[in-house]
Amino acid sequence: MVDATKFDNWLQHLSRNSDAAVRAKAAYLIGKAVEDLDSHQYQDASQALQKAMNDQDPTVLMAAMNALSQFTRGSDQVQLEDAEPQKGGRLVAATVCSVCGKPEALADPDDCPQPNCPYK
């Protein structure tokens, strides 16, 4: 079990700190400690990371995504290569821009300052 004070500090920093680097570090630490969380901490951390998925900073968003990928308790996680598309659907792998590193879903070609943006 993770120390309650330390865990609460991580959650506070993830949700309320104005510094994106601190929020990203908190997400990273939560993901790294996932195996040591008790059931209540696990639930609270999962909810906090899901909220962090709406963070405007791509560094925080990626840290939250990576941390959430560690949250597999009680799920029958399927490896991507073993997954089957459902009803004519297709499997989609998350990708990031090769120039700026933003998640593809957040890459806005009209807003990108990079002259060699692959999405322009």
PDB file of N, CA and C in Angstrom:
ATOM      1  N   MET A   1       0.837  -1.183   0.000  1.00  0.00           N
ATOM      2  CA  MET A   1       0.000   0.000   0.000  1.00  0.00           C
ATOM      3  C   MET A   1       0.883   1.248   0.000  1.00  0.00           C
ATOM      4  N   VAL A   2       0.502   2.219  -0.776  1.00  0.00           N
ATOM      5  CA  VAL A   2       1.219   3.482  -0.849  1.00  0.00           C
ATOM      6  C   VAL A   2       0.812   4.346   0.337  1.00  0.00           C
ATOM      7  N   ASP A   3       1.774   5.044   0.924  1.00  0.00           N
ATOM      8  CA  ASP A   3       1.515   5.956   2.030  1.00  0.00           C
ATOM      9  C   ASP A   3       0.388   6.915   1.644  1.00  0.00           C
ATOM     10  N   ALA A   4      -0.617   7.052   2.512  1.00  0.00           N
ATOM     11  CA  ALA A   4      -1.804   7.861   2.211  1.00  0.00           C
ATOM     12  C   ALA A   4      -1.461   9.325   1.962  1.00  0.00           C
ATOM     13  N   THR A   5      -0.540   9.877   2.729  1.00  0.00           N
ATOM     14  CA  THR A   5      -0.166  11.285   2.553  1.00  0.00           C
ATOM     15  C   THR A   5       0.503  11.499   1.198  1.00  0.00           C
ATOM     16  N   LYS A   6       1.408  10.608   0.855  1.00  0.00           N
ATOM     17  CA  LYS A   6       2.103  10.699  -0.433  1.00  0.00           C
ATOM     18  C   LYS A   6       1.099  10.572  -1.578  1.00  0.00           C
ATOM     19  N   PHE A   7       0.195   9.607  -1.456  1.00  0.00           N
ATOM     20  CA  PHE A   7      -0.805   9.381  -2.493  1.00  0.00           C
ATOM     21  C   PHE A   7      -1.717  10.600  -2.659  1.00  0.00           C
ATOM     22  N   ASP A   8      -2.177  11.152  -1.534  1.00  0.00           N
ATOM     23  CA  ASP A   8      -3.033  12.341  -1.598  1.00  0.00           C
ATOM     24  C   ASP A   8      -2.307  13.519  -2.244  1.00  0.00           C
ATOM     25  N   ASN A   9      -1.019  13.649  -1.968  1.00  0.00           N
ATOM     26  CA  ASN A   9      -0.228  14.710  -2.599  1.00  0.00           C
ATOM     27  C   ASN A   9      -0.172  14.526  -4.115  1.00  0.00           C
ATOM     28  N   TRP A  10       0.007  13.290  -4.564  1.00  0.00           N
ATOM     29  CA  TRP A  10       0.029  13.025  -6.005  1.00  0.00           C
ATOM     30  C   TRP A  10      -1.289  13.446  -6.653  1.00  0.00           C
ATOM     31  N   LEU A  11      -2.394  13.069  -6.012  1.00  0.00           N
ATOM     32  CA  LEU A  11      -3.705  13.419  -6.565  1.00  0.00           C
ATOM     33  C   LEU A  11      -3.911  14.932  -6.592  1.00  0.00           C
ATOM     34  N   GLN A  12      -3.481  15.604  -5.515  1.00  0.00           N
ATOM     35  CA  GLN A  12      -3.610  17.063  -5.451  1.00  0.00           C
ATOM     36  C   GLN A  12      -2.814  17.717  -6.576  1.00  0.00           C
ATOM     37  N   HIS A  13      -1.582  17.290  -6.752  1.00  0.00           N
ATOM     38  CA  HIS A  13      -0.742  17.875  -7.791  1.00  0.00           C
ATOM     39  C   HIS A  13      -1.295  17.582  -9.187  1.00  0.00           C
ATOM     40  N   LEU A  14      -1.787  16.377  -9.389  1.00  0.00           N
ATOM     41  CA  LEU A  14      -2.332  16.010 -10.692  1.00  0.00           C
ATOM     42  C   LEU A  14      -3.536  16.869 -11.054  1.00  0.00           C
ATOM     43  N   SER A  15      -4.380  17.148 -10.089  1.00  0.00           N
ATOM     44  CA  SER A  15      -5.614  17.857 -10.404  1.00  0.00           C
ATOM     45  C   SER A  15      -5.546  19.370 -10.228  1.00  0.00           C
ATOM     46  N   ARG A  16      -4.614  19.861  -9.411  1.00  0.00           N
ATOM     47  CA  ARG A  16      -4.671  21.290  -9.077  1.00  0.00           C
ATOM     48  C   ARG A  16      -3.401  22.086  -9.319  1.00  0.00           C
ATOM     49  N   ASN A  17      -2.295  21.458  -9.596  1.00  0.00           N
ATOM     50  CA  ASN A  17      -1.054  22.217  -9.747  1.00  0.00           C
ATOM     51  C   ASN A  17      -1.062  22.972 -11.070  1.00  0.00           C
ATOM     52  N   SER A  18      -0.618  24.209 -11.050  1.00  0.00           N
ATOM     53  CA  SER A  18      -0.614  25.026 -12.268  1.00  0.00           C
ATOM     54  C   SER A  18       0.548  24.681 -13.198  1.00  0.00           C
ATOM     55  N   ASP A  19       1.556  23.993 -12.701  1.00  0.00           N
ATOM     56  CA  ASP A  19       2.726  23.619 -13.498  1.00  0.00           C
ATOM     57  C   ASP A  19       2.479  22.267 -14.178  1.00  0.00           C
ATOM     58  N   ALA A  20       2.463  22.279 -15.512  1.00  0.00           N
ATOM     59  CA  ALA A  20       2.202  21.055 -16.270  1.00  0.00           C
ATOM     60  C   ALA A  20       3.242  19.973 -15.995  1.00  0.00           C
ATOM     61  N   ALA A  21       4.480  20.362 -15.777  1.00  0.00           N
ATOM     62  CA  ALA A  21       5.529  19.370 -15.503  1.00  0.00           C
ATOM     63  C   ALA A  21       5.247  18.639 -14.194  1.00  0.00           C
ATOM     64  N   VAL A  22       4.727  19.348 -13.206  1.00  0.00           N
ATOM     65  CA  VAL A  22       4.385  18.733 -11.918  1.00  0.00           C
ATOM     66  C   VAL A  22       3.185  17.804 -12.096  1.00  0.00           C
ATOM     67  N   ARG A  23       2.196  18.224 -12.877  1.00  0.00           N
ATOM     68  CA  ARG A  23       1.026  17.366 -13.126  1.00  0.00           C
ATOM     69  C   ARG A  23       1.445  16.086 -13.859  1.00  0.00           C
ATOM     70  N   ALA A  24       2.322  16.226 -14.836  1.00  0.00           N
ATOM     71  CA  ALA A  24       2.804  15.056 -15.582  1.00  0.00           C
ATOM     72  C   ALA A  24       3.586  14.110 -14.674  1.00  0.00           C
ATOM     73  N   LYS A  25       4.413  14.668 -13.809  1.00  0.00           N
ATOM     74  CA  LYS A  25       5.196  13.842 -12.868  1.00  0.00           C
ATOM     75  C   LYS A  25       4.263  13.095 -11.916  1.00  0.00           C
ATOM     76  N   ALA A  26       3.207  13.767 -11.460  1.00  0.00           N
ATOM     77  CA  ALA A  26       2.241  13.111 -10.567  1.00  0.00           C
ATOM     78  C   ALA A  26       1.562  11.942 -11.280  1.00  0.00           C
ATOM     79  N   ALA A  27       1.181  12.137 -12.533  1.00  0.00           N
ATOM     80  CA  ALA A  27       0.568  11.050 -13.302  1.00  0.00           C
ATOM     81  C   ALA A  27       1.540   9.891 -13.456  1.00  0.00           C
ATOM     82  N   TYR A  28       2.789  10.208 -13.752  1.00  0.00           N
ATOM     83  CA  TYR A  28       3.827   9.183 -13.898  1.00  0.00           C
ATOM     84  C   TYR A  28       3.977   8.381 -12.599  1.00  0.00           C
ATOM     85  N   LEU A  29       4.054   9.082 -11.463  1.00  0.00           N
ATOM     86  CA  LEU A  29       4.252   8.411 -10.178  1.00  0.00           C
ATOM     87  C   LEU A  29       3.062   7.518  -9.827  1.00  0.00           C
ATOM     88  N   ILE A  30       1.864   7.978 -10.143  1.00  0.00           N
ATOM     89  CA  ILE A  30       0.675   7.154  -9.889  1.00  0.00           C
ATOM     90  C   ILE A  30       0.742   5.876 -10.727  1.00  0.00           C
ATOM     91  N   GLY A  31       1.087   6.016 -11.994  1.00  0.00           N
ATOM     92  CA  GLY A  31       1.191   4.841 -12.864  1.00  0.00           C
ATOM     93  C   GLY A  31       2.268   3.872 -12.412  1.00  0.00           C
ATOM     94  N   LYS A  32       3.355   4.420 -11.913  1.00  0.00           N
ATOM     95  CA  LYS A  32       4.467   3.577 -11.450  1.00  0.00           C
ATOM     96  C   LYS A  32       4.097   2.799 -10.179  1.00  0.00           C
ATOM     97  N   ALA A  33       3.215   3.376  -9.367  1.00  0.00           N
ATOM     98  CA  ALA A  33       2.857   2.765  -8.082  1.00  0.00           C
ATOM     99  C   ALA A  33       1.572   1.946  -8.142  1.00  0.00           C
ATOM    100  N   VAL A  34       1.013   1.752  -9.308  1.00  0.00           N
ATOM    101  CA  VAL A  34      -0.311   1.143  -9.423  1.00  0.00           C
ATOM    102  C   VAL A  34      -0.413  -0.215  -8.727  1.00  0.00           C
ATOM    103  N   GLU A  35       0.624  -1.011  -8.770  1.00  0.00           N
ATOM    104  CA  GLU A  35       0.577  -2.338  -8.155  1.00  0.00           C
ATOM    105  C   GLU A  35       0.515  -2.268  -6.629  1.00  0.00           C
ATOM    106  N   ASP A  36       0.927  -1.159  -6.064  1.00  0.00           N
ATOM    107  CA  ASP A  36       0.953  -1.021  -4.608  1.00  0.00           C
ATOM    108  C   ASP A  36      -0.261  -0.284  -4.047  1.00  0.00           C
ATOM    109  N   LEU A  37      -1.194   0.113  -4.893  1.00  0.00           N
ATOM    110  CA  LEU A  37      -2.372   0.854  -4.431  1.00  0.00           C
ATOM    111  C   LEU A  37      -3.408  -0.102  -3.857  1.00  0.00           C
ATOM    112  N   ASP A  38      -4.041   0.312  -2.755  1.00  0.00           N
ATOM    113  CA  ASP A  38      -5.162  -0.483  -2.250  1.00  0.00           C
ATOM    114  C   ASP A  38      -6.380  -0.199  -3.134  1.00  0.00           C
ATOM    115  N   SER A  39      -7.490  -0.871  -2.888  1.00  0.00           N
ATOM    116  CA  SER A  39      -8.637  -0.757  -3.793  1.00  0.00           C
ATOM    117  C   SER A  39      -9.215   0.658  -3.847  1.00  0.00           C
ATOM    118  N   HIS A  40      -9.227   1.360  -2.716  1.00  0.00           N
ATOM    119  CA  HIS A  40      -9.751   2.734  -2.717  1.00  0.00           C
ATOM    120  C   HIS A  40      -8.807   3.675  -3.459  1.00  0.00           C
ATOM    121  N   GLN A  41      -7.514   3.537  -3.210  1.00  0.00           N
ATOM    122  CA  GLN A  41      -6.525   4.354  -3.913  1.00  0.00           C
ATOM    123  C   GLN A  41      -6.580   4.072  -5.411  1.00  0.00           C
ATOM    124  N   TYR A  42      -6.724   2.809  -5.747  1.00  0.00           N
ATOM    125  CA  TYR A  42      -6.791   2.405  -7.152  1.00  0.00           C
ATOM    126  C   TYR A  42      -7.948   3.114  -7.859  1.00  0.00           C
ATOM    127  N   GLN A  43      -9.105   3.103  -7.224  1.00  0.00           N
ATOM    128  CA  GLN A  43     -10.290   3.745  -7.797  1.00  0.00           C
ATOM    129  C   GLN A  43     -10.092   5.262  -7.903  1.00  0.00           C
ATOM    130  N   ASP A  44      -9.605   5.877  -6.836  1.00  0.00           N
ATOM    131  CA  ASP A  44      -9.384   7.331  -6.838  1.00  0.00           C
ATOM    132  C   ASP A  44      -8.353   7.737  -7.894  1.00  0.00           C
ATOM    133  N   ALA A  45      -7.290   6.961  -8.001  1.00  0.00           N
ATOM    134  CA  ALA A  45      -6.244   7.259  -8.972  1.00  0.00           C
ATOM    135  C   ALA A  45      -6.769   7.122 -10.395  1.00  0.00           C
ATOM    136  N   SER A  46      -7.534   6.078 -10.640  1.00  0.00           N
ATOM    137  CA  SER A  46      -8.099   5.867 -11.963  1.00  0.00           C
ATOM    138  C   SER A  46      -8.996   7.038 -12.363  1.00  0.00           C
ATOM    139  N   GLN A  47      -9.827   7.482 -11.448  1.00  0.00           N
ATOM    140  CA  GLN A  47     -10.715   8.617 -11.728  1.00  0.00           C
ATOM    141  C   GLN A  47      -9.920   9.900 -11.974  1.00  0.00           C
ATOM    142  N   ALA A  48      -8.895  10.144 -11.173  1.00  0.00           N
ATOM    143  CA  ALA A  48      -8.072  11.349 -11.332  1.00  0.00           C
ATOM    144  C   ALA A  48      -7.342  11.336 -12.676  1.00  0.00           C
ATOM    145  N   LEU A  49      -6.834  10.169 -13.064  1.00  0.00           N
ATOM    146  CA  LEU A  49      -6.136  10.070 -14.348  1.00  0.00           C
ATOM    147  C   LEU A  49      -7.101  10.237 -15.521  1.00  0.00           C
ATOM    148  N   GLN A  50      -8.313   9.733 -15.371  1.00  0.00           N
ATOM    149  CA  GLN A  50      -9.302   9.917 -16.430  1.00  0.00           C
ATOM    150  C   GLN A  50      -9.647  11.397 -16.597  1.00  0.00           C
ATOM    151  N   LYS A  51      -9.730  12.129 -15.494  1.00  0.00           N
ATOM    152  CA  LYS A  51      -9.957  13.574 -15.576  1.00  0.00           C
ATOM    153  C   LYS A  51      -8.761  14.269 -16.226  1.00  0.00           C
ATOM    154  N   ALA A  52      -7.562  13.778 -15.932  1.00  0.00           N
ATOM    155  CA  ALA A  52      -6.351  14.370 -16.507  1.00  0.00           C
ATOM    156  C   ALA A  52      -6.282  14.158 -18.019  1.00  0.00           C
ATOM    157  N   MET A  53      -7.060  13.235 -18.541  1.00  0.00           N
ATOM    158  CA  MET A  53      -7.104  13.025 -19.981  1.00  0.00           C
ATOM    159  C   MET A  53      -7.677  14.247 -20.708  1.00  0.00           C
ATOM    160  N   ASN A  54      -8.288  15.166 -19.973  1.00  0.00           N
ATOM    161  CA  ASN A  54      -8.816  16.401 -20.558  1.00  0.00           C
ATOM    162  C   ASN A  54      -7.848  17.569 -20.403  1.00  0.00           C
ATOM    163  N   ASP A  55      -6.668  17.310 -19.873  1.00  0.00           N
ATOM    164  CA  ASP A  55      -5.675  18.371 -19.677  1.00  0.00           C
ATOM    165  C   ASP A  55      -5.251  18.929 -21.033  1.00  0.00           C
ATOM    166  N   GLN A  56      -5.098  20.236 -21.115  1.00  0.00           N
ATOM    167  CA  GLN A  56      -4.721  20.884 -22.374  1.00  0.00           C
ATOM    168  C   GLN A  56      -3.243  20.708 -22.727  1.00  0.00           C
ATOM    169  N   ASP A  57      -2.435  20.353 -21.739  1.00  0.00           N
ATOM    170  CA  ASP A  57      -1.017  20.175 -22.001  1.00  0.00           C
ATOM    171  C   ASP A  57      -0.766  18.749 -22.500  1.00  0.00           C
ATOM    172  N   PRO A  58      -0.145  18.590 -23.673  1.00  0.00           N
ATOM    173  CA  PRO A  58       0.068  17.249 -24.214  1.00  0.00           C
ATOM    174  C   PRO A  58       0.982  16.372 -23.365  1.00  0.00           C
ATOM    175  N   THR A  59       1.879  16.984 -22.610  1.00  0.00           N
ATOM    176  CA  THR A  59       2.763  16.206 -21.744  1.00  0.00           C
ATOM    177  C   THR A  59       1.957  15.529 -20.636  1.00  0.00           C
ATOM    178  N   VAL A  60       1.032  16.270 -20.062  1.00  0.00           N
ATOM    179  CA  VAL A  60       0.178  15.719 -19.009  1.00  0.00           C
ATOM    180  C   VAL A  60      -0.745  14.653 -19.592  1.00  0.00           C
ATOM    181  N   LEU A  61      -1.299  14.945 -20.743  1.00  0.00           N
ATOM    182  CA  LEU A  61      -2.190  13.987 -21.402  1.00  0.00           C
ATOM    183  C   LEU A  61      -1.470  12.665 -21.671  1.00  0.00           C
ATOM    184  N   MET A  62      -0.257  12.734 -22.198  1.00  0.00           N
ATOM    185  CA  MET A  62       0.495  11.508 -22.486  1.00  0.00           C
ATOM    186  C   MET A  62       0.870  10.768 -21.207  1.00  0.00           C
ATOM    187  N   ALA A  63       1.241  11.517 -20.173  1.00  0.00           N
ATOM    188  CA  ALA A  63       1.573  10.874 -18.892  1.00  0.00           C
ATOM    189  C   ALA A  63       0.347  10.172 -18.314  1.00  0.00           C
ATOM    190  N   ALA A  64      -0.809  10.812 -18.419  1.00  0.00           N
ATOM    191  CA  ALA A  64      -2.048  10.195 -17.924  1.00  0.00           C
ATOM    192  C   ALA A  64      -2.395   8.957 -18.745  1.00  0.00           C
ATOM    193  N   MET A  65      -2.234   9.037 -20.054  1.00  0.00           N
ATOM    194  CA  MET A  65      -2.508   7.879 -20.912  1.00  0.00           C
ATOM    195  C   MET A  65      -1.591   6.714 -20.548  1.00  0.00           C
ATOM    196  N   ASN A  66      -0.309   7.008 -20.382  1.00  0.00           N
ATOM    197  CA  ASN A  66       0.647   5.950 -20.021  1.00  0.00           C
ATOM    198  C   ASN A  66       0.321   5.358 -18.666  1.00  0.00           C
ATOM    199  N   ALA A  67      -0.026   6.207 -17.704  1.00  0.00           N
ATOM    200  CA  ALA A  67      -0.355   5.709 -16.370  1.00  0.00           C
ATOM    201  C   ALA A  67      -1.619   4.854 -16.407  1.00  0.00           C
ATOM    202  N   LEU A  68      -2.627   5.305 -17.144  1.00  0.00           N
ATOM    203  CA  LEU A  68      -3.874   4.536 -17.226  1.00  0.00           C
ATOM    204  C   LEU A  68      -3.664   3.174 -17.870  1.00  0.00           C
ATOM    205  N   SER A  69      -2.677   3.063 -18.725  1.00  0.00           N
ATOM    206  CA  SER A  69      -2.427   1.768 -19.355  1.00  0.00           C
ATOM    207  C   SER A  69      -1.966   0.725 -18.342  1.00  0.00           C
ATOM    208  N   GLN A  70      -1.528   1.164 -17.167  1.00  0.00           N
ATOM    209  CA  GLN A  70      -1.103   0.251 -16.101  1.00  0.00           C
ATOM    210  C   GLN A  70      -2.278  -0.242 -15.258  1.00  0.00           C
ATOM    211  N   PHE A  71      -3.442   0.391 -15.412  1.00  0.00           N
ATOM    212  CA  PHE A  71      -4.610   0.062 -14.602  1.00  0.00           C
ATOM    213  C   PHE A  71      -5.382  -1.074 -15.254  1.00  0.00           C
ATOM    214  N   THR A  72      -5.039  -2.297 -14.862  1.00  0.00           N
ATOM    215  CA  THR A  72      -5.628  -3.474 -15.497  1.00  0.00           C
ATOM    216  C   THR A  72      -6.307  -4.420 -14.518  1.00  0.00           C
ATOM    217  N   ARG A  73      -6.434  -4.033 -13.274  1.00  0.00           N
ATOM    218  CA  ARG A  73      -7.076  -4.919 -12.297  1.00  0.00           C
ATOM    219  C   ARG A  73      -8.514  -5.201 -12.717  1.00  0.00           C
ATOM    220  N   GLY A  74      -8.886  -6.467 -12.648  1.00  0.00           N
ATOM    221  CA  GLY A  74     -10.269  -6.847 -12.918  1.00  0.00           C
ATOM    222  C   GLY A  74     -10.658  -6.754 -14.382  1.00  0.00           C
ATOM    223  N   SER A  75      -9.688  -6.618 -15.260  1.00  0.00           N
ATOM    224  CA  SER A  75     -10.028  -6.561 -16.692  1.00  0.00           C
ATOM    225  C   SER A  75      -9.337  -7.709 -17.401  1.00  0.00           C
ATOM    226  N   ASP A  76      -9.964  -8.131 -18.448  1.00  0.00           N
ATOM    227  CA  ASP A  76      -9.348  -9.131 -19.300  1.00  0.00           C
ATOM    228  C   ASP A  76      -8.702  -8.378 -20.444  1.00  0.00           C
ATOM    229  N   GLN A  77      -7.515  -7.851 -20.180  1.00  0.00           N
ATOM    230  CA  GLN A  77      -6.837  -7.020 -21.157  1.00  0.00           C
ATOM    231  C   GLN A  77      -6.389  -7.876 -22.336  1.00  0.00           C
ATOM    232  N   VAL A  78      -6.697  -7.398 -23.529  1.00  0.00           N
ATOM    233  CA  VAL A  78      -6.355  -8.106 -24.751  1.00  0.00           C
ATOM    234  C   VAL A  78      -5.179  -7.392 -25.390  1.00  0.00           C
ATOM    235  N   GLN A  79      -4.196  -8.156 -25.790  1.00  0.00           N
ATOM    236  CA  GLN A  79      -3.067  -7.570 -26.500  1.00  0.00           C
ATOM    237  C   GLN A  79      -3.555  -7.097 -27.868  1.00  0.00           C
ATOM    238  N   LEU A  80      -3.048  -5.963 -28.329  1.00  0.00           N
ATOM    239  CA  LEU A  80      -3.504  -5.375 -29.582  1.00  0.00           C
ATOM    240  C   LEU A  80      -3.372  -6.352 -30.743  1.00  0.00           C
ATOM    241  N   GLU A  81      -2.279  -7.102 -30.787  1.00  0.00           N
ATOM    242  CA  GLU A  81      -2.094  -8.016 -31.904  1.00  0.00           C
ATOM    243  C   GLU A  81      -3.075  -9.187 -31.866  1.00  0.00           C
ATOM    244  N   ASP A  82      -3.676  -9.458 -30.681  1.00  0.00           N
ATOM    245  CA  ASP A  82      -4.645 -10.540 -30.551  1.00  0.00           C
ATOM    246  C   ASP A  82      -6.084 -10.062 -30.679  1.00  0.00           C
ATOM    247  N   ALA A  83      -6.279  -8.760 -30.711  1.00  0.00           N
ATOM    248  CA  ALA A  83      -7.630  -8.203 -30.722  1.00  0.00           C
ATOM    249  C   ALA A  83      -8.293  -8.397 -32.077  1.00  0.00           C
ATOM    250  N   GLU A  84      -9.595  -8.505 -32.053  1.00  0.00           N
ATOM    251  CA  GLU A  84     -10.384  -8.646 -33.270  1.00  0.00           C
ATOM    252  C   GLU A  84     -11.286  -7.432 -33.420  1.00  0.00           C
ATOM    253  N   PRO A  85     -11.376  -6.857 -34.607  1.00  0.00           N
ATOM    254  CA  PRO A  85     -12.314  -5.762 -34.824  1.00  0.00           C
ATOM    255  C   PRO A  85     -13.739  -6.259 -34.626  1.00  0.00           C
ATOM    256  N   GLN A  86     -14.607  -5.397 -34.135  1.00  0.00           N
ATOM    257  CA  GLN A  86     -15.998  -5.775 -33.905  1.00  0.00           C
ATOM    258  C   GLN A  86     -16.879  -5.207 -35.008  1.00  0.00           C
ATOM    259  N   LYS A  87     -17.735  -6.031 -35.568  1.00  0.00           N
ATOM    260  CA  LYS A  87     -18.738  -5.630 -36.548  1.00  0.00           C
ATOM    261  C   LYS A  87     -18.174  -4.742 -37.649  1.00  0.00           C
ATOM    262  N   GLY A  88     -17.181  -5.223 -38.325  1.00  0.00           N
ATOM    263  CA  GLY A  88     -16.630  -4.490 -39.451  1.00  0.00           C
ATOM    264  C   GLY A  88     -15.781  -3.290 -39.070  1.00  0.00           C
ATOM    265  N   GLY A  89     -15.556  -3.110 -37.766  1.00  0.00           N
ATOM    266  CA  GLY A  89     -14.740  -1.997 -37.323  1.00  0.00           C
ATOM    267  C   GLY A  89     -13.272  -2.270 -37.586  1.00  0.00           C
ATOM    268  N   ARG A  90     -12.446  -1.366 -37.183  1.00  0.00           N
ATOM    269  CA  ARG A  90     -11.012  -1.577 -37.348  1.00  0.00           C
ATOM    270  C   ARG A  90     -10.317  -1.183 -36.060  1.00  0.00           C
ATOM    271  N   LEU A  91      -9.179  -1.772 -35.852  1.00  0.00           N
ATOM    272  CA  LEU A  91      -8.391  -1.447 -34.682  1.00  0.00           C
ATOM    273  C   LEU A  91      -7.640  -0.149 -34.933  1.00  0.00           C
ATOM    274  N   VAL A  92      -7.605   0.710 -33.935  1.00  0.00           N
ATOM    275  CA  VAL A  92      -6.912   1.977 -34.073  1.00  0.00           C
ATOM    276  C   VAL A  92      -5.838   2.056 -33.007  1.00  0.00           C
ATOM    277  N   ALA A  93      -4.626   2.302 -33.409  1.00  0.00           N
ATOM    278  CA  ALA A  93      -3.531   2.474 -32.466  1.00  0.00           C
ATOM    279  C   ALA A  93      -3.303   3.972 -32.264  1.00  0.00           C
ATOM    280  N   ALA A  94      -3.096   4.385 -31.038  1.00  0.00           N
ATOM    281  CA  ALA A  94      -2.833   5.787 -30.748  1.00  0.00           C
ATOM    282  C   ALA A  94      -1.479   6.168 -31.320  1.00  0.00           C
ATOM    283  N   THR A  95      -1.431   7.312 -31.976  1.00  0.00           N
ATOM    284  CA  THR A  95      -0.185   7.786 -32.541  1.00  0.00           C
ATOM    285  C   THR A  95       0.049   9.228 -32.137  1.00  0.00           C
ATOM    286  N   VAL A  96       1.272   9.657 -32.283  1.00  0.00           N
ATOM    287  CA  VAL A  96       1.629  11.039 -31.970  1.00  0.00           C
ATOM    288  C   VAL A  96       2.310  11.653 -33.186  1.00  0.00           C
ATOM    289  N   CYS A  97       2.262  12.964 -33.244  1.00  0.00           N
ATOM    290  CA  CYS A  97       2.905  13.703 -34.323  1.00  0.00           C
ATOM    291  C   CYS A  97       4.414  13.488 -34.238  1.00  0.00           C
ATOM    292  N   SER A  98       5.018  13.169 -35.358  1.00  0.00           N
ATOM    293  CA  SER A  98       6.461  12.919 -35.382  1.00  0.00           C
ATOM    294  C   SER A  98       7.277  14.196 -35.230  1.00  0.00           C
ATOM    295  N   VAL A  99       6.643  15.362 -35.381  1.00  0.00           N
ATOM    296  CA  VAL A  99       7.355  16.631 -35.278  1.00  0.00           C
ATOM    297  C   VAL A  99       7.250  17.234 -33.880  1.00  0.00           C
ATOM    298  N   CYS A 100       6.018  17.401 -33.393  1.00  0.00           N
ATOM    299  CA  CYS A 100       5.848  18.093 -32.106  1.00  0.00           C
ATOM    300  C   CYS A 100       5.556  17.149 -30.947  1.00  0.00           C
ATOM    301  N   GLY A 101       5.168  15.895 -31.223  1.00  0.00           N
ATOM    302  CA  GLY A 101       4.910  14.926 -30.168  1.00  0.00           C
ATOM    303  C   GLY A 101       3.508  14.969 -29.597  1.00  0.00           C
ATOM    304  N   LYS A 102       2.641  15.832 -30.124  1.00  0.00           N
ATOM    305  CA  LYS A 102       1.257  15.881 -29.641  1.00  0.00           C
ATOM    306  C   LYS A 102       0.533  14.611 -30.071  1.00  0.00           C
ATOM    307  N   PRO A 103      -0.411  14.149 -29.252  1.00  0.00           N
ATOM    308  CA  PRO A 103      -1.226  13.021 -29.698  1.00  0.00           C
ATOM    309  C   PRO A 103      -1.945  13.401 -30.996  1.00  0.00           C
ATOM    310  N   GLU A 104      -2.079  12.451 -31.892  1.00  0.00           N
ATOM    311  CA  GLU A 104      -2.677  12.725 -33.199  1.00  0.00           C
ATOM    312  C   GLU A 104      -4.054  13.369 -33.064  1.00  0.00           C
ATOM    313  N   ALA A 105      -4.811  12.954 -32.065  1.00  0.00           N
ATOM    314  CA  ALA A 105      -6.149  13.501 -31.878  1.00  0.00           C
ATOM    315  C   ALA A 105      -6.124  14.986 -31.541  1.00  0.00           C
ATOM    316  N   LEU A 106      -5.012  15.483 -30.997  1.00  0.00           N
ATOM    317  CA  LEU A 106      -4.908  16.888 -30.626  1.00  0.00           C
ATOM    318  C   LEU A 106      -4.145  17.714 -31.654  1.00  0.00           C
ATOM    319  N   ALA A 107      -3.608  17.078 -32.666  1.00  0.00           N
ATOM    320  CA  ALA A 107      -2.825  17.805 -33.677  1.00  0.00           C
ATOM    321  C   ALA A 107      -3.776  18.621 -34.541  1.00  0.00           C
ATOM    322  N   ASP A 108      -3.623  19.926 -34.487  1.00  0.00           N
ATOM    323  CA  ASP A 108      -4.451  20.836 -35.272  1.00  0.00           C
ATOM    324  C   ASP A 108      -3.579  21.474 -36.345  1.00  0.00           C
ATOM    325  N   PRO A 109      -3.757  21.093 -37.609  1.00  0.00           N
ATOM    326  CA  PRO A 109      -2.882  21.611 -38.658  1.00  0.00           C
ATOM    327  C   PRO A 109      -2.974  23.126 -38.823  1.00  0.00           C
ATOM    328  N   ASP A 110      -4.116  23.716 -38.493  1.00  0.00           N
ATOM    329  CA  ASP A 110      -4.268  25.166 -38.615  1.00  0.00           C
ATOM    330  C   ASP A 110      -3.564  25.910 -37.497  1.00  0.00           C
ATOM    331  N   ASP A 111      -3.287  25.221 -36.410  1.00  0.00           N
ATOM    332  CA  ASP A 111      -2.721  25.853 -35.225  1.00  0.00           C
ATOM    333  C   ASP A 111      -1.245  25.495 -35.004  1.00  0.00           C
ATOM    334  N   CYS A 112      -0.714  24.592 -35.810  1.00  0.00           N
ATOM    335  CA  CYS A 112       0.646  24.104 -35.600  1.00  0.00           C
ATOM    336  C   CYS A 112       1.677  25.110 -36.106  1.00  0.00           C
ATOM    337  N   PRO A 113       2.627  25.505 -35.243  1.00  0.00           N
ATOM    338  CA  PRO A 113       3.644  26.469 -35.658  1.00  0.00           C
ATOM    339  C   PRO A 113       4.804  25.830 -36.443  1.00  0.00           C
ATOM    340  N   GLN A 114       4.833  24.501 -36.503  1.00  0.00           N
ATOM    341  CA  GLN A 114       5.928  23.802 -37.173  1.00  0.00           C
ATOM    342  C   GLN A 114       5.755  23.854 -38.688  1.00  0.00           C
ATOM    343  N   PRO A 115       6.771  24.320 -39.424  1.00  0.00           N
ATOM    344  CA  PRO A 115       6.654  24.395 -40.881  1.00  0.00           C
ATOM    345  C   PRO A 115       6.591  23.014 -41.547  1.00  0.00           C
ATOM    346  N   ASN A 116       7.128  22.001 -40.889  1.00  0.00           N
ATOM    347  CA  ASN A 116       7.134  20.662 -41.475  1.00  0.00           C
ATOM    348  C   ASN A 116       6.093  19.738 -40.823  1.00  0.00           C
ATOM    349  N   CYS A 117       4.985  20.309 -40.372  1.00  0.00           N
ATOM    350  CA  CYS A 117       3.912  19.528 -39.740  1.00  0.00           C
ATOM    351  C   CYS A 117       3.348  18.525 -40.744  1.00  0.00           C
ATOM    352  N   PRO A 118       3.323  17.232 -40.391  1.00  0.00           N
ATOM    353  CA  PRO A 118       2.823  16.221 -41.336  1.00  0.00           C
ATOM    354  C   PRO A 118       1.306  16.277 -41.519  1.00  0.00           C
ATOM    355  N   TYR A 119       0.602  17.039 -40.694  1.00  0.00           N
ATOM    356  CA  TYR A 119      -0.856  17.103 -40.792  1.00  0.00           C
ATOM    357  C   TYR A 119      -1.343  18.286 -41.625  1.00  0.00           C
ATOM    358  N   LYS A 120      -0.386  19.138 -42.095  1.00  0.00           N
ATOM    359  CA  LYS A 120      -0.790  20.287 -42.930  1.00  0.00           C
ATOM    360  C   LYS A 120      -1.078  19.854 -44.335  1.00  0.00           C
TER     361      LYS A 120
END
